[in-house]
């Protein structure tokens, strides 16, 4: 498949349904970020993206999702409460 094929298909879909512009790379980025946020093993995501090293994947495609931030804060709060009760 030629590299521009995916972009051409996406452009046709965007035009047909009058959607905001988006390119294939943005979909790739979103997919990788969501998989990592769902706690899929970074090595697996890295292989899916064709990266030679999972550190590249983690550096580029990880984002602090609001749900992750809240979960982190909740866990820390729980830890602090448990430490006070000991």
N, C-alpha and C. Protein backbone atom coordinates (compact mmCIF):
# COMPACT_ATOMS: atom_id res chain seq x y z
N UNK A 1 0.85 -1.18 0.00
CA UNK A 1 0.00 0.00 0.00
C UNK A 1 0.90 1.24 0.00
N UNK A 2 0.56 2.17 -0.81
CA UNK A 2 1.32 3.42 -0.87
C UNK A 2 1.03 4.23 0.39
N UNK A 3 2.04 4.89 0.97
CA UNK A 3 1.85 5.65 2.22
C UNK A 3 0.73 6.69 2.17
N UNK A 4 0.46 7.25 1.01
CA UNK A 4 -0.57 8.30 0.95
C UNK A 4 -1.99 7.74 0.84
N UNK A 5 -2.11 6.43 0.65
CA UNK A 5 -3.44 5.83 0.46
C UNK A 5 -4.36 6.09 1.66
N UNK A 6 -3.84 5.90 2.87
CA UNK A 6 -4.67 6.11 4.06
C UNK A 6 -5.15 7.55 4.16
N UNK A 7 -4.25 8.49 3.89
CA UNK A 7 -4.65 9.90 3.93
C UNK A 7 -5.72 10.20 2.89
N UNK A 8 -5.60 9.62 1.70
CA UNK A 8 -6.59 9.84 0.65
C UNK A 8 -7.96 9.32 1.07
N UNK A 9 -7.99 8.14 1.66
CA UNK A 9 -9.25 7.56 2.12
C UNK A 9 -9.87 8.42 3.20
N UNK A 10 -9.06 8.85 4.15
CA UNK A 10 -9.56 9.69 5.25
C UNK A 10 -10.09 11.01 4.71
N UNK A 11 -9.38 11.62 3.76
CA UNK A 11 -9.84 12.88 3.17
C UNK A 11 -11.23 12.71 2.53
N UNK A 12 -11.44 11.59 1.84
CA UNK A 12 -12.74 11.33 1.21
C UNK A 12 -13.84 11.19 2.26
N UNK A 13 -13.55 10.50 3.34
CA UNK A 13 -14.53 10.32 4.42
C UNK A 13 -14.85 11.66 5.06
N UNK A 14 -13.82 12.45 5.35
CA UNK A 14 -14.01 13.77 5.96
C UNK A 14 -14.88 14.65 5.08
N UNK A 15 -14.60 14.64 3.79
CA UNK A 15 -15.37 15.46 2.86
C UNK A 15 -16.82 14.97 2.76
N UNK A 16 -16.98 13.66 2.63
CA UNK A 16 -18.32 13.08 2.47
C UNK A 16 -19.23 13.40 3.66
N UNK A 17 -18.68 13.35 4.87
CA UNK A 17 -19.48 13.56 6.08
C UNK A 17 -19.29 14.95 6.70
N UNK A 18 -18.60 15.82 5.95
CA UNK A 18 -18.40 17.21 6.39
C UNK A 18 -17.80 17.28 7.80
N UNK A 19 -16.73 16.53 8.01
CA UNK A 19 -16.07 16.48 9.31
C UNK A 19 -14.90 17.46 9.34
N UNK A 20 -14.42 17.75 10.54
CA UNK A 20 -13.21 18.57 10.67
C UNK A 20 -12.04 17.80 10.08
N UNK A 21 -11.08 18.54 9.55
CA UNK A 21 -9.90 17.93 8.95
C UNK A 21 -9.16 17.06 9.96
N UNK A 22 -8.74 15.90 9.53
CA UNK A 22 -7.90 15.02 10.34
C UNK A 22 -7.05 14.20 9.38
N UNK A 23 -5.84 13.91 9.79
CA UNK A 23 -4.96 13.11 8.93
C UNK A 23 -4.69 11.77 9.59
N UNK A 24 -4.15 10.86 8.82
CA UNK A 24 -3.89 9.51 9.31
C UNK A 24 -2.97 9.54 10.52
N UNK A 25 -1.97 10.39 10.52
CA UNK A 25 -1.03 10.44 11.64
C UNK A 25 -1.73 10.81 12.94
N UNK A 26 -2.73 11.70 12.86
CA UNK A 26 -3.48 12.07 14.06
C UNK A 26 -4.26 10.87 14.60
N UNK A 27 -4.81 10.05 13.71
CA UNK A 27 -5.51 8.85 14.14
C UNK A 27 -4.54 7.86 14.79
N UNK A 28 -3.36 7.74 14.21
CA UNK A 28 -2.32 6.87 14.76
C UNK A 28 -1.94 7.33 16.17
N UNK A 29 -1.77 8.63 16.32
CA UNK A 29 -1.40 9.20 17.61
C UNK A 29 -2.50 8.95 18.65
N UNK A 30 -3.74 9.17 18.26
CA UNK A 30 -4.87 8.94 19.16
C UNK A 30 -4.95 7.47 19.56
N UNK A 31 -4.83 6.58 18.59
CA UNK A 31 -4.89 5.15 18.85
C UNK A 31 -3.81 4.74 19.85
N UNK A 32 -2.58 5.16 19.60
CA UNK A 32 -1.47 4.79 20.49
C UNK A 32 -1.69 5.34 21.89
N UNK A 33 -2.11 6.59 21.99
CA UNK A 33 -2.34 7.20 23.29
C UNK A 33 -3.44 6.48 24.06
N UNK A 34 -4.52 6.14 23.39
CA UNK A 34 -5.62 5.44 24.05
C UNK A 34 -5.21 4.04 24.50
N UNK A 35 -4.46 3.33 23.67
CA UNK A 35 -3.99 1.99 24.05
C UNK A 35 -3.10 2.06 25.29
N UNK A 36 -2.20 3.02 25.33
CA UNK A 36 -1.33 3.18 26.49
C UNK A 36 -2.15 3.55 27.71
N UNK A 37 -3.12 4.43 27.55
CA UNK A 37 -3.97 4.81 28.67
C UNK A 37 -4.80 3.64 29.18
N UNK A 38 -5.10 2.69 28.30
CA UNK A 38 -5.84 1.48 28.69
C UNK A 38 -4.91 0.44 29.30
N UNK A 39 -3.67 0.84 29.51
CA UNK A 39 -2.64 0.00 30.14
C UNK A 39 -2.23 -1.20 29.30
N UNK A 40 -2.31 -1.05 27.98
CA UNK A 40 -1.76 -2.06 27.09
C UNK A 40 -0.25 -1.94 27.20
N UNK A 41 0.43 -3.05 27.27
CA UNK A 41 1.87 -3.08 27.41
C UNK A 41 2.54 -2.18 26.37
N UNK A 42 3.37 -1.23 26.81
CA UNK A 42 4.03 -0.31 25.87
C UNK A 42 4.83 -1.02 24.78
N UNK A 43 5.41 -2.16 25.08
CA UNK A 43 6.16 -2.90 24.05
C UNK A 43 5.22 -3.36 22.95
N UNK A 44 4.03 -3.78 23.32
CA UNK A 44 3.04 -4.23 22.34
C UNK A 44 2.62 -3.06 21.45
N UNK A 45 2.33 -1.91 22.08
CA UNK A 45 1.95 -0.71 21.32
C UNK A 45 3.10 -0.30 20.42
N UNK A 46 4.31 -0.34 20.95
CA UNK A 46 5.49 0.03 20.19
C UNK A 46 5.66 -0.83 18.94
N UNK A 47 5.46 -2.13 19.09
CA UNK A 47 5.57 -3.03 17.94
C UNK A 47 4.48 -2.73 16.93
N UNK A 48 3.28 -2.44 17.41
CA UNK A 48 2.16 -2.11 16.50
C UNK A 48 2.48 -0.87 15.67
N UNK A 49 3.18 0.08 16.28
CA UNK A 49 3.54 1.32 15.59
C UNK A 49 4.79 1.18 14.74
N UNK A 50 5.52 0.10 14.93
CA UNK A 50 6.74 -0.10 14.16
C UNK A 50 7.96 0.61 14.73
N UNK A 51 7.90 0.97 16.01
CA UNK A 51 9.04 1.61 16.65
C UNK A 51 10.07 0.56 17.04
N UNK A 52 11.34 0.92 16.96
CA UNK A 52 12.41 -0.01 17.32
C UNK A 52 12.61 -0.09 18.82
N UNK A 53 12.13 0.90 19.54
CA UNK A 53 12.33 0.95 20.99
C UNK A 53 11.06 1.50 21.65
N UNK A 54 10.60 0.83 22.70
CA UNK A 54 9.35 1.26 23.35
C UNK A 54 9.51 2.61 24.05
N UNK A 55 10.74 3.03 24.33
CA UNK A 55 10.93 4.35 24.96
C UNK A 55 10.50 5.46 24.01
N UNK A 56 10.66 5.24 22.72
CA UNK A 56 10.20 6.21 21.72
C UNK A 56 8.68 6.35 21.82
N UNK A 57 8.01 5.22 21.90
CA UNK A 57 6.55 5.21 22.00
C UNK A 57 6.10 5.94 23.25
N UNK A 58 6.72 5.64 24.38
CA UNK A 58 6.32 6.24 25.64
C UNK A 58 6.57 7.75 25.64
N UNK A 59 7.64 8.18 25.02
CA UNK A 59 7.97 9.60 25.00
C UNK A 59 7.00 10.39 24.13
N UNK A 60 6.62 9.82 23.00
CA UNK A 60 5.81 10.54 22.03
C UNK A 60 4.31 10.41 22.29
N UNK A 61 3.87 9.22 22.68
CA UNK A 61 2.44 8.95 22.66
C UNK A 61 1.75 8.90 24.01
N UNK A 62 2.45 9.16 25.08
CA UNK A 62 1.76 9.15 26.37
C UNK A 62 1.28 10.54 26.72
N UNK A 63 0.11 10.59 27.28
CA UNK A 63 -0.51 11.85 27.70
C UNK A 63 -1.20 11.62 29.03
N UNK A 64 -1.30 12.66 29.79
CA UNK A 64 -2.00 12.56 31.08
C UNK A 64 -3.48 12.81 30.84
N UNK A 65 -4.24 11.74 30.70
CA UNK A 65 -5.68 11.86 30.54
C UNK A 65 -6.30 12.27 31.87
N UNK A 66 -7.38 13.01 31.80
CA UNK A 66 -8.04 13.48 33.02
C UNK A 66 -8.43 12.32 33.93
N UNK A 67 -8.92 11.23 33.36
CA UNK A 67 -9.31 10.08 34.19
C UNK A 67 -8.10 9.49 34.90
N UNK A 68 -6.95 9.49 34.24
CA UNK A 68 -5.73 8.99 34.85
C UNK A 68 -5.26 9.90 35.98
N UNK A 69 -5.39 11.21 35.75
CA UNK A 69 -5.00 12.16 36.79
C UNK A 69 -5.85 11.97 38.04
N UNK A 70 -7.16 11.80 37.84
CA UNK A 70 -8.06 11.62 38.97
C UNK A 70 -7.77 10.31 39.68
N UNK A 71 -7.55 9.25 38.92
CA UNK A 71 -7.25 7.95 39.51
C UNK A 71 -5.97 8.02 40.34
N UNK A 72 -4.99 8.72 39.83
CA UNK A 72 -3.72 8.89 40.55
C UNK A 72 -3.94 9.64 41.86
N UNK A 73 -4.69 10.72 41.80
CA UNK A 73 -4.98 11.51 43.00
C UNK A 73 -5.77 10.70 44.01
N UNK A 74 -6.74 9.92 43.54
CA UNK A 74 -7.54 9.08 44.43
C UNK A 74 -6.68 8.03 45.12
N UNK A 75 -5.78 7.41 44.37
CA UNK A 75 -4.90 6.38 44.95
C UNK A 75 -3.98 6.99 46.00
N UNK A 76 -3.43 8.18 45.69
CA UNK A 76 -2.56 8.84 46.64
C UNK A 76 -3.33 9.22 47.90
N UNK A 77 -4.55 9.72 47.75
CA UNK A 77 -5.39 10.06 48.89
C UNK A 77 -5.66 8.83 49.75
N UNK A 78 -5.96 7.72 49.09
CA UNK A 78 -6.19 6.46 49.80
C UNK A 78 -4.94 6.03 50.57
N UNK A 79 -3.79 6.16 49.95
CA UNK A 79 -2.52 5.81 50.59
C UNK A 79 -2.29 6.65 51.84
N UNK A 80 -2.52 7.96 51.73
CA UNK A 80 -2.32 8.85 52.86
C UNK A 80 -3.28 8.52 54.01
N UNK A 81 -4.52 8.22 53.71
CA UNK A 81 -5.50 7.86 54.74
C UNK A 81 -5.10 6.57 55.43
N UNK A 82 -4.63 5.60 54.65
CA UNK A 82 -4.19 4.32 55.23
C UNK A 82 -2.99 4.51 56.15
N UNK A 83 -2.08 5.42 55.77
CA UNK A 83 -0.89 5.67 56.58
C UNK A 83 -1.28 6.34 57.90
N UNK A 84 -2.29 7.18 57.89
CA UNK A 84 -2.75 7.85 59.10
C UNK A 84 -3.42 6.86 60.04
N UNK A 85 -4.06 5.84 59.50
CA UNK A 85 -4.77 4.86 60.31
C UNK A 85 -3.85 3.78 60.91
N UNK A 86 -2.61 3.77 60.51
CA UNK A 86 -1.68 2.74 61.03
C UNK A 86 -1.15 3.09 62.37
